[in-house]
Amino acid sequence: MRSFDLTPLYRASVGFDQIADLMDRALASDVGNNSYPPYNIEKTADDGWRISIAVAGFSENDLAIELKERALIVTAKKAEDDTQRSYLHRGIATRAFERRFTLADHVKVTGANHADGMLHIDLVREIPEALKPRKIAITSAKPADANLIEDSKVN
């Protein structure tokens, strides 16, 4: 595996530590461990997304969603089954999992629902008014000489 040295970028930039962390996570070697459960991320609006996770075999009580700092953490743990079952084939995986998603600044979770073996989590970016672009009015200032001429006319 190649390793990338991002040191030259740090010399010419300030405040981009999050991008370096994101690249480190993307280049992590444990990609094979992140295949369960399968999920989709779809864009629902200009500033809206939906994460859909296949959670067949899990009930709402088995699932938990937590937002910690900028990490959305989805966990599942199947409740212990009291009945002893004898499987001829067990293809539906109900093993415990933890799936993490890193959210960008100002992205908020607006809701979650569980239906038909799918967990849907809706997200939206809400930028505070103070950070939104705004127009600044430009006014023309009188030249300094114009004030002197007007003062001399008054006397």
Protein backbone atom coordinates (compact mmCIF):
# COMPACT_ATOMS: atom_id res chain seq x y z
CA MET A 1 0.00 0.00 0.00
CA ARG A 2 1.20 3.49 -0.79
CA SER A 3 1.47 6.10 1.89
CA PHE A 4 1.00 9.72 1.03
CA ASP A 5 2.93 12.51 2.74
CA LEU A 6 0.67 15.54 3.10
CA THR A 7 3.29 17.66 4.91
CA PRO A 8 3.76 20.12 1.98
CA LEU A 9 0.05 20.93 2.14
CA TYR A 10 0.26 21.80 5.84
CA ARG A 11 2.91 24.45 5.19
CA ALA A 12 0.61 26.47 2.95
CA SER A 13 -2.74 25.98 4.66
CA VAL A 14 -4.36 26.76 7.95
CA GLY A 15 -7.44 25.11 9.40
CA PHE A 16 -7.66 22.15 7.04
CA ASP A 17 -6.98 19.49 9.68
CA GLN A 18 -10.41 17.97 9.06
CA ILE A 19 -9.55 17.29 5.43
CA ALA A 20 -6.37 15.49 6.48
CA ASP A 21 -8.35 13.40 8.98
CA LEU A 22 -10.88 12.56 6.28
CA MET A 23 -8.13 11.45 3.90
CA ASP A 24 -6.55 9.34 6.64
CA ARG A 25 -9.86 7.56 7.25
CA ALA A 26 -10.40 7.05 3.53
CA LEU A 27 -6.96 5.53 3.08
CA ALA A 28 -7.29 3.23 6.10
CA SER A 29 -6.54 -0.39 5.29
CA ASP A 30 -9.57 -1.94 7.05
CA VAL A 31 -11.93 -1.39 4.11
CA GLY A 32 -12.96 -5.07 4.10
CA ASN A 33 -14.40 -4.81 7.61
CA ASN A 34 -16.83 -2.08 6.56
CA SER A 35 -19.03 -4.12 4.23
CA TYR A 36 -21.69 -5.09 6.78
CA PRO A 37 -24.40 -3.98 6.77
CA PRO A 38 -24.86 -2.67 3.24
CA TYR A 39 -26.04 0.93 2.95
CA ASN A 40 -26.90 3.66 0.46
CA ILE A 41 -26.40 7.42 0.67
CA GLU A 42 -28.70 9.36 -1.62
CA LYS A 43 -29.07 13.07 -2.27
CA THR A 44 -32.68 14.12 -1.70
CA ALA A 45 -32.30 17.90 -2.16
CA ASP A 46 -29.59 20.51 -2.65
CA ASP A 47 -28.87 20.39 1.08
CA GLY A 48 -30.52 17.07 1.99
CA TRP A 49 -29.43 13.44 2.13
CA ARG A 50 -30.80 10.07 3.20
CA ILE A 51 -28.75 7.19 4.56
CA SER A 52 -30.51 3.84 4.07
CA ILE A 53 -29.08 0.84 5.92
CA ALA A 54 -30.23 -2.75 5.31
CA VAL A 55 -31.10 -4.07 8.78
CA ALA A 56 -33.05 -7.24 7.97
CA GLY A 57 -33.82 -9.24 11.09
CA PHE A 58 -33.45 -6.28 13.49
CA SER A 59 -36.39 -4.62 15.23
CA GLU A 60 -36.53 -0.96 16.23
CA ASN A 61 -35.61 -1.97 19.80
CA ASP A 62 -32.40 -3.63 18.53
CA LEU A 63 -31.20 -0.44 16.79
CA ALA A 64 -29.65 2.73 18.24
CA ILE A 65 -28.65 5.98 16.54
CA GLU A 66 -26.33 8.40 18.31
CA LEU A 67 -24.90 11.74 17.22
CA LYS A 68 -21.62 12.45 18.99
CA GLU A 69 -19.77 15.59 17.96
CA ARG A 70 -19.79 15.25 14.15
CA ALA A 71 -20.07 11.46 14.04
CA LEU A 72 -23.35 9.68 13.36
CA ILE A 73 -23.10 6.24 14.96
CA VAL A 74 -25.61 3.50 14.13
CA THR A 75 -25.41 0.37 16.27
CA ALA A 76 -27.43 -2.82 16.36
CA LYS A 77 -27.45 -5.70 18.78
CA LYS A 78 -29.93 -8.51 18.45
CA ALA A 79 -31.79 -9.31 21.64
CA GLU A 80 -31.14 -12.80 22.95
CA ASP A 81 -33.58 -15.32 21.50
CA ASP A 82 -35.04 -17.54 24.24
CA THR A 83 -36.21 -20.22 21.85
CA GLN A 84 -33.72 -22.75 20.58
CA ARG A 85 -33.91 -22.85 16.80
CA SER A 86 -32.34 -25.37 14.53
CA TYR A 87 -31.31 -23.81 11.21
CA LEU A 88 -30.72 -25.83 8.07
CA HIS A 89 -29.31 -22.68 6.43
CA ARG A 90 -28.79 -19.30 8.10
CA GLY A 91 -28.23 -16.64 5.45
CA ILE A 92 -29.71 -13.62 7.22
CA ALA A 93 -26.92 -12.08 9.26
CA THR A 94 -28.12 -10.61 12.52
CA ARG A 95 -24.70 -10.06 14.05
CA ALA A 96 -24.08 -6.91 16.02
CA PHE A 97 -22.60 -3.98 14.12
CA GLU A 98 -21.52 -0.40 14.49
CA ARG A 99 -21.51 1.88 11.45
CA ARG A 100 -20.01 5.40 11.67
CA PHE A 101 -20.62 8.32 9.35
CA THR A 102 -18.71 11.59 9.66
CA LEU A 103 -20.99 14.57 9.07
CA ALA A 104 -19.88 17.89 7.63
CA ASP A 105 -20.33 21.12 9.55
CA HIS A 106 -23.96 22.23 10.01
CA VAL A 107 -25.42 18.87 8.89
CA LYS A 108 -28.23 17.83 11.22
CA VAL A 109 -30.27 14.64 11.55
CA THR A 110 -33.93 15.46 10.91
CA GLY A 111 -35.42 12.02 11.44
CA ALA A 112 -35.11 8.27 11.22
CA ASN A 113 -37.57 5.51 10.42
CA HIS A 114 -37.48 1.74 10.20
CA ALA A 115 -39.62 -0.02 7.60
CA ASP A 116 -39.38 -3.17 5.49
CA GLY A 117 -35.96 -4.15 6.85
CA MET A 118 -34.45 -0.75 6.06
CA LEU A 119 -33.36 2.00 8.44
CA HIS A 120 -33.65 5.43 6.83
CA ILE A 121 -31.87 8.43 8.38
CA ASP A 122 -32.64 11.86 6.92
CA LEU A 123 -30.04 14.63 7.04
CA VAL A 124 -30.12 18.30 6.11
CA ARG A 125 -27.52 21.07 6.05
CA GLU A 126 -28.71 24.13 7.97
CA ILE A 127 -26.25 26.98 7.64
CA PRO A 128 -26.69 29.62 10.36
CA GLU A 129 -27.71 33.09 9.19
CA ALA A 130 -24.41 34.54 10.43
CA LEU A 131 -22.48 32.26 8.04
CA LYS A 132 -24.65 32.71 4.95
CA PRO A 133 -23.35 34.99 2.20
CA ARG A 134 -24.78 38.49 2.33
CA LYS A 135 -24.55 41.58 0.17
CA ILE A 136 -22.72 44.60 1.49
CA ALA A 137 -24.01 47.95 0.28
CA ILE A 138 -21.41 50.19 -1.33
CA THR A 139 -21.74 53.92 -0.70
CA SER A 140 -19.77 56.66 -2.36
CA ALA A 141 -17.72 58.86 -0.08
CA LYS A 142 -17.23 62.55 -0.77
CA PRO A 143 -13.65 63.50 -1.61
CA ALA A 144 -11.82 65.34 1.19
CA ASP A 145 -11.35 68.45 -1.05
CA ALA A 146 -15.12 68.84 -1.49
CA ASN A 147 -15.58 69.40 2.25
CA LEU A 148 -12.90 72.14 2.26
CA ILE A 149 -14.56 74.02 -0.61
CA GLU A 150 -17.96 73.95 1.06
CA ASP A 151 -16.47 75.21 4.37
CA SER A 152 -14.80 78.16 2.57
CA LYS A 153 -18.11 79.14 0.86
CA VAL A 154 -19.90 79.35 4.22
CA ASN A 155 -17.56 82.05 5.60
